[in-house]
PDB file of N, CA and C in Angstrom:
ATOM      1  N   UNK A   1       0.852  -1.173   0.000  1.00  0.00           N
ATOM      2  CA  UNK A   1       0.000   0.000   0.000  1.00  0.00           C
ATOM      3  C   UNK A   1       0.901   1.240   0.000  1.00  0.00           C
ATOM      4  N   UNK A   2       0.609   2.158  -0.882  1.00  0.00           N
ATOM      5  CA  UNK A   2       1.415   3.375  -0.969  1.00  0.00           C
ATOM      6  C   UNK A   2       1.055   4.327   0.165  1.00  0.00           C
ATOM      7  N   UNK A   3       1.890   5.317   0.378  1.00  0.00           N
ATOM      8  CA  UNK A   3       1.620   6.320   1.418  1.00  0.00           C
ATOM      9  C   UNK A   3       0.334   7.089   1.121  1.00  0.00           C
ATOM     10  N   UNK A   4       0.081   7.394  -0.150  1.00  0.00           N
ATOM     11  CA  UNK A   4      -1.160   8.084  -0.520  1.00  0.00           C
ATOM     12  C   UNK A   4      -2.385   7.238  -0.193  1.00  0.00           C
ATOM     13  N   UNK A   5      -2.296   5.939  -0.448  1.00  0.00           N
ATOM     14  CA  UNK A   5      -3.410   5.043  -0.129  1.00  0.00           C
ATOM     15  C   UNK A   5      -3.613   4.957   1.379  1.00  0.00           C
ATOM     16  N   UNK A   6      -2.509   4.888   2.116  1.00  0.00           N
ATOM     17  CA  UNK A   6      -2.606   4.860   3.574  1.00  0.00           C
ATOM     18  C   UNK A   6      -3.252   6.136   4.100  1.00  0.00           C
ATOM     19  N   UNK A   7      -2.869   7.269   3.532  1.00  0.00           N
ATOM     20  CA  UNK A   7      -3.463   8.544   3.944  1.00  0.00           C
ATOM     21  C   UNK A   7      -4.955   8.576   3.639  1.00  0.00           C
ATOM     22  N   UNK A   8      -5.342   8.071   2.477  1.00  0.00           N
ATOM     23  CA  UNK A   8      -6.762   8.032   2.106  1.00  0.00           C
ATOM     24  C   UNK A   8      -7.558   7.168   3.073  1.00  0.00           C
ATOM     25  N   UNK A   9      -6.992   6.021   3.450  1.00  0.00           N
ATOM     26  CA  UNK A   9      -7.664   5.126   4.401  1.00  0.00           C
ATOM     27  C   UNK A   9      -7.792   5.811   5.756  1.00  0.00           C
ATOM     28  N   UNK A  10      -6.714   6.439   6.206  1.00  0.00           N
ATOM     29  CA  UNK A  10      -6.727   7.126   7.498  1.00  0.00           C
ATOM     30  C   UNK A  10      -7.790   8.226   7.517  1.00  0.00           C
ATOM     31  N   UNK A  11      -7.847   9.009   6.448  1.00  0.00           N
ATOM     32  CA  UNK A  11      -8.827  10.103   6.362  1.00  0.00           C
ATOM     33  C   UNK A  11     -10.247   9.542   6.376  1.00  0.00           C
ATOM     34  N   UNK A  12     -10.480   8.465   5.619  1.00  0.00           N
ATOM     35  CA  UNK A  12     -11.819   7.867   5.579  1.00  0.00           C
ATOM     36  C   UNK A  12     -12.200   7.293   6.941  1.00  0.00           C
ATOM     37  N   UNK A  13     -11.248   6.669   7.623  1.00  0.00           N
ATOM     38  CA  UNK A  13     -11.524   6.128   8.949  1.00  0.00           C
ATOM     39  C   UNK A  13     -11.885   7.247   9.917  1.00  0.00           C
ATOM     40  N   UNK A  14     -11.199   8.363   9.836  1.00  0.00           N
ATOM     41  CA  UNK A  14     -11.525   9.516  10.688  1.00  0.00           C
ATOM     42  C   UNK A  14     -12.934  10.015  10.399  1.00  0.00           C
ATOM     43  N   UNK A  15     -13.318  10.054   9.119  1.00  0.00           N
ATOM     44  CA  UNK A  15     -14.674  10.480   8.752  1.00  0.00           C
ATOM     45  C   UNK A  15     -15.721   9.530   9.333  1.00  0.00           C
ATOM     46  N   UNK A  16     -15.447   8.230   9.225  1.00  0.00           N
ATOM     47  CA  UNK A  16     -16.406   7.243   9.718  1.00  0.00           C
ATOM     48  C   UNK A  16     -16.508   7.263  11.243  1.00  0.00           C
ATOM     49  N   UNK A  17     -15.422   7.572  11.913  1.00  0.00           N
ATOM     50  CA  UNK A  17     -15.422   7.580  13.379  1.00  0.00           C
ATOM     51  C   UNK A  17     -15.987   8.867  13.976  1.00  0.00           C
ATOM     52  N   UNK A  18     -16.107   9.907  13.199  1.00  0.00           N
ATOM     53  CA  UNK A  18     -16.584  11.194  13.719  1.00  0.00           C
ATOM     54  C   UNK A  18     -17.938  11.079  14.431  1.00  0.00           C
ATOM     55  N   UNK A  19     -18.948  10.440  13.819  1.00  0.00           N
ATOM     56  CA  UNK A  19     -20.230  10.320  14.539  1.00  0.00           C
ATOM     57  C   UNK A  19     -20.122   9.490  15.816  1.00  0.00           C
ATOM     58  N   UNK A  20     -19.272   8.474  15.804  1.00  0.00           N
ATOM     59  CA  UNK A  20     -19.076   7.648  16.994  1.00  0.00           C
ATOM     60  C   UNK A  20     -18.466   8.502  18.097  1.00  0.00           C
ATOM     61  N   UNK A  21     -17.441   9.267  17.745  1.00  0.00           N
ATOM     62  CA  UNK A  21     -16.799  10.147  18.730  1.00  0.00           C
ATOM     63  C   UNK A  21     -17.796  11.149  19.303  1.00  0.00           C
ATOM     64  N   UNK A  22     -18.691  11.663  18.461  1.00  0.00           N
ATOM     65  CA  UNK A  22     -19.709  12.608  18.939  1.00  0.00           C
ATOM     66  C   UNK A  22     -20.639  11.938  19.941  1.00  0.00           C
ATOM     67  N   UNK A  23     -21.030  10.700  19.672  1.00  0.00           N
ATOM     68  CA  UNK A  23     -21.906   9.976  20.597  1.00  0.00           C
ATOM     69  C   UNK A  23     -21.202   9.723  21.921  1.00  0.00           C
ATOM     70  N   UNK A  24     -19.930   9.396  21.864  1.00  0.00           N
ATOM     71  CA  UNK A  24     -19.162   9.165  23.090  1.00  0.00           C
ATOM     72  C   UNK A  24     -19.120  10.442  23.922  1.00  0.00           C
ATOM     73  N   UNK A  25     -18.914  11.570  23.271  1.00  0.00           N
ATOM     74  CA  UNK A  25     -18.850  12.844  23.979  1.00  0.00           C
ATOM     75  C   UNK A  25     -20.185  13.216  24.611  1.00  0.00           C
ATOM     76  N   UNK A  26     -21.283  12.666  24.093  1.00  0.00           N
ATOM     77  CA  UNK A  26     -22.604  12.952  24.657  1.00  0.00           C
ATOM     78  C   UNK A  26     -22.890  12.156  25.925  1.00  0.00           C
ATOM     79  N   UNK A  27     -22.066  11.171  26.223  1.00  0.00           N
ATOM     80  CA  UNK A  27     -22.274  10.368  27.429  1.00  0.00           C
ATOM     81  C   UNK A  27     -22.004  11.226  28.661  1.00  0.00           C
ATOM     82  N   UNK A  28     -22.920  11.126  29.621  1.00  0.00           N
ATOM     83  CA  UNK A  28     -22.844  11.951  30.822  1.00  0.00           C
ATOM     84  C   UNK A  28     -22.319  11.220  32.055  1.00  0.00           C
ATOM     85  N   UNK A  29     -22.147   9.919  31.934  1.00  0.00           N
ATOM     86  CA  UNK A  29     -21.731   9.166  33.115  1.00  0.00           C
ATOM     87  C   UNK A  29     -20.901   7.948  32.698  1.00  0.00           C
ATOM     88  N   UNK A  30     -20.293   7.376  33.697  1.00  0.00           N
ATOM     89  CA  UNK A  30     -19.519   6.153  33.490  1.00  0.00           C
ATOM     90  C   UNK A  30     -20.417   5.041  32.948  1.00  0.00           C
ATOM     91  N   UNK A  31     -21.631   4.965  33.466  1.00  0.00           N
ATOM     92  CA  UNK A  31     -22.574   3.929  33.040  1.00  0.00           C
ATOM     93  C   UNK A  31     -22.918   4.079  31.564  1.00  0.00           C
ATOM     94  N   UNK A  32     -23.141   5.319  31.131  1.00  0.00           N
ATOM     95  CA  UNK A  32     -23.448   5.547  29.715  1.00  0.00           C
ATOM     96  C   UNK A  32     -22.257   5.198  28.825  1.00  0.00           C
ATOM     97  N   UNK A  33     -21.052   5.525  29.287  1.00  0.00           N
ATOM     98  CA  UNK A  33     -19.860   5.157  28.512  1.00  0.00           C
ATOM     99  C   UNK A  33     -19.745   3.637  28.374  1.00  0.00           C
ATOM    100  N   UNK A  34     -20.024   2.921  29.468  1.00  0.00           N
ATOM    101  CA  UNK A  34     -19.975   1.468  29.417  1.00  0.00           C
ATOM    102  C   UNK A  34     -21.085   0.908  28.532  1.00  0.00           C
ATOM    103  N   UNK A  35     -22.259   1.522  28.557  1.00  0.00           N
ATOM    104  CA  UNK A  35     -23.345   1.072  27.696  1.00  0.00           C
ATOM    105  C   UNK A  35     -22.974   1.217  26.231  1.00  0.00           C
ATOM    106  N   UNK A  36     -22.440   2.368  25.848  1.00  0.00           N
ATOM    107  CA  UNK A  36     -22.084   2.571  24.449  1.00  0.00           C
ATOM    108  C   UNK A  36     -20.922   1.664  24.054  1.00  0.00           C
ATOM    109  N   UNK A  37     -19.977   1.437  24.965  1.00  0.00           N
ATOM    110  CA  UNK A  37     -18.857   0.537  24.670  1.00  0.00           C
ATOM    111  C   UNK A  37     -19.365  -0.882  24.400  1.00  0.00           C
ATOM    112  N   UNK A  38     -20.288  -1.351  25.238  1.00  0.00           N
ATOM    113  CA  UNK A  38     -20.843  -2.693  25.049  1.00  0.00           C
ATOM    114  C   UNK A  38     -21.632  -2.788  23.745  1.00  0.00           C
ATOM    115  N   UNK A  39     -22.396  -1.763  23.444  1.00  0.00           N
ATOM    116  CA  UNK A  39     -23.168  -1.750  22.200  1.00  0.00           C
ATOM    117  C   UNK A  39     -22.238  -1.748  20.982  1.00  0.00           C
ATOM    118  N   UNK A  40     -21.151  -0.987  21.062  1.00  0.00           N
ATOM    119  CA  UNK A  40     -20.200  -0.950  19.950  1.00  0.00           C
ATOM    120  C   UNK A  40     -19.491  -2.296  19.788  1.00  0.00           C
ATOM    121  N   UNK A  41     -19.162  -2.954  20.898  1.00  0.00           N
ATOM    122  CA  UNK A  41     -18.531  -4.273  20.808  1.00  0.00           C
ATOM    123  C   UNK A  41     -19.475  -5.280  20.154  1.00  0.00           C
ATOM    124  N   UNK A  42     -20.740  -5.245  20.550  1.00  0.00           N
ATOM    125  CA  UNK A  42     -21.716  -6.167  19.975  1.00  0.00           C
ATOM    126  C   UNK A  42     -21.901  -5.906  18.490  1.00  0.00           C
ATOM    127  N   UNK A  43     -22.062  -4.639  18.125  1.00  0.00           N
ATOM    128  CA  UNK A  43     -22.265  -4.300  16.712  1.00  0.00           C
ATOM    129  C   UNK A  43     -21.017  -4.636  15.897  1.00  0.00           C
ATOM    130  N   UNK A  44     -19.836  -4.394  16.467  1.00  0.00           N
ATOM    131  CA  UNK A  44     -18.585  -4.734  15.773  1.00  0.00           C
ATOM    132  C   UNK A  44     -18.516  -6.232  15.506  1.00  0.00           C
ATOM    133  N   UNK A  45     -18.865  -7.022  16.486  1.00  0.00           N
ATOM    134  CA  UNK A  45     -18.853  -8.473  16.312  1.00  0.00           C
ATOM    135  C   UNK A  45     -19.817  -8.891  15.207  1.00  0.00           C
ATOM    136  N   UNK A  46     -21.001  -8.292  15.176  1.00  0.00           N
ATOM    137  CA  UNK A  46     -21.984  -8.623  14.143  1.00  0.00           C
ATOM    138  C   UNK A  46     -21.467  -8.262  12.754  1.00  0.00           C
ATOM    139  N   UNK A  47     -20.859  -7.100  12.624  1.00  0.00           N
ATOM    140  CA  UNK A  47     -20.333  -6.666  11.329  1.00  0.00           C
ATOM    141  C   UNK A  47     -19.209  -7.593  10.874  1.00  0.00           C
ATOM    142  N   UNK A  48     -18.278  -7.879  11.780  1.00  0.00           N
ATOM    143  CA  UNK A  48     -17.148  -8.738  11.422  1.00  0.00           C
ATOM    144  C   UNK A  48     -17.637 -10.137  11.062  1.00  0.00           C
ATOM    145  N   UNK A  49     -18.578 -10.680  11.829  1.00  0.00           N
ATOM    146  CA  UNK A  49     -19.137 -12.000  11.517  1.00  0.00           C
ATOM    147  C   UNK A  49     -19.739 -12.021  10.117  1.00  0.00           C
ATOM    148  N   UNK A  50     -20.460 -10.980   9.768  1.00  0.00           N
ATOM    149  CA  UNK A  50     -21.131 -10.961   8.466  1.00  0.00           C
ATOM    150  C   UNK A  50     -20.165 -10.742   7.309  1.00  0.00           C
ATOM    151  N   UNK A  51     -19.015 -10.164   7.588  1.00  0.00           N
ATOM    152  CA  UNK A  51     -18.074  -9.854   6.516  1.00  0.00           C
ATOM    153  C   UNK A  51     -16.941 -10.869   6.364  1.00  0.00           C
ATOM    154  N   UNK A  52     -16.462 -11.438   7.480  1.00  0.00           N
ATOM    155  CA  UNK A  52     -15.321 -12.356   7.356  1.00  0.00           C
ATOM    156  C   UNK A  52     -15.510 -13.676   8.098  1.00  0.00           C
ATOM    157  N   UNK A  53     -16.565 -13.878   8.797  1.00  0.00           N
ATOM    158  CA  UNK A  53     -16.949 -15.120   9.482  1.00  0.00           C
ATOM    159  C   UNK A  53     -16.703 -15.032  10.987  1.00  0.00           C
ATOM    160  N   UNK A  54     -17.475 -15.828  11.679  1.00  0.00           N
ATOM    161  CA  UNK A  54     -17.369 -15.850  13.141  1.00  0.00           C
ATOM    162  C   UNK A  54     -16.019 -16.410  13.591  1.00  0.00           C
ATOM    163  N   UNK A  55     -15.545 -17.415  12.887  1.00  0.00           N
ATOM    164  CA  UNK A  55     -14.248 -18.007  13.235  1.00  0.00           C
ATOM    165  C   UNK A  55     -13.122 -16.970  13.087  1.00  0.00           C
ATOM    166  N   UNK A  56     -13.151 -16.212  12.001  1.00  0.00           N
ATOM    167  CA  UNK A  56     -12.131 -15.181  11.789  1.00  0.00           C
ATOM    168  C   UNK A  56     -12.241 -14.093  12.857  1.00  0.00           C
ATOM    169  N   UNK A  57     -13.475 -13.758  13.245  1.00  0.00           N
ATOM    170  CA  UNK A  57     -13.659 -12.757  14.305  1.00  0.00           C
ATOM    171  C   UNK A  57     -13.056 -13.248  15.617  1.00  0.00           C
ATOM    172  N   UNK A  58     -13.269 -14.507  15.925  1.00  0.00           N
ATOM    173  CA  UNK A  58     -12.700 -15.063  17.147  1.00  0.00           C
ATOM    174  C   UNK A  58     -11.178 -14.963  17.140  1.00  0.00           C
ATOM    175  N   UNK A  59     -10.573 -15.288  16.011  1.00  0.00           N
ATOM    176  CA  UNK A  59      -9.112 -15.182  15.911  1.00  0.00           C
ATOM    177  C   UNK A  59      -8.671 -13.729  16.024  1.00  0.00           C
ATOM    178  N   UNK A  60      -9.394 -12.831  15.382  1.00  0.00           N
ATOM    179  CA  UNK A  60      -9.057 -11.409  15.436  1.00  0.00           C
ATOM    180  C   UNK A  60      -9.122 -10.896  16.864  1.00  0.00           C
ATOM    181  N   UNK A  61     -10.195 -11.214  17.576  1.00  0.00           N
ATOM    182  CA  UNK A  61     -10.348 -10.750  18.954  1.00  0.00           C
ATOM    183  C   UNK A  61      -9.296 -11.374  19.869  1.00  0.00           C
ATOM    184  N   UNK A  62      -8.956 -12.636  19.646  1.00  0.00           N
ATOM    185  CA  UNK A  62      -7.941 -13.298  20.474  1.00  0.00           C
ATOM    186  C   UNK A  62      -6.574 -12.653  20.253  1.00  0.00           C
ATOM    187  N   UNK A  63      -6.291 -12.225  19.029  1.00  0.00           N
ATOM    188  CA  UNK A  63      -5.013 -11.565  18.743  1.00  0.00           C
ATOM    189  C   UNK A  63      -4.914 -10.226  19.444  1.00  0.00           C
ATOM    190  N   UNK A  64      -6.034  -9.622  19.791  1.00  0.00           N
ATOM    191  CA  UNK A  64      -6.035  -8.317  20.451  1.00  0.00           C
ATOM    192  C   UNK A  64      -5.741  -8.447  21.940  1.00  0.00           C
ATOM    193  N   UNK A  65      -5.905  -9.641  22.475  1.00  0.00           N
ATOM    194  CA  UNK A  65      -5.719  -9.855  23.921  1.00  0.00           C
ATOM    195  C   UNK A  65      -4.264 -10.066  24.241  1.00  0.00           C
TER     196      UNK A  65
END
């Protein structure tokens, strides 16, 4: 991947994360932060399962630990 391609990916990722960051900033308490974190983990798992398989998601999550 070229540096220009990496920059394009980084910029697009920042654009996609902007609404998520806004929602996080709207949280008023520790409980709300934990609620949104759990919801994001669940939704992330669903997206990854649908795109690359549950087995691949398990390996991906295990590599993060």
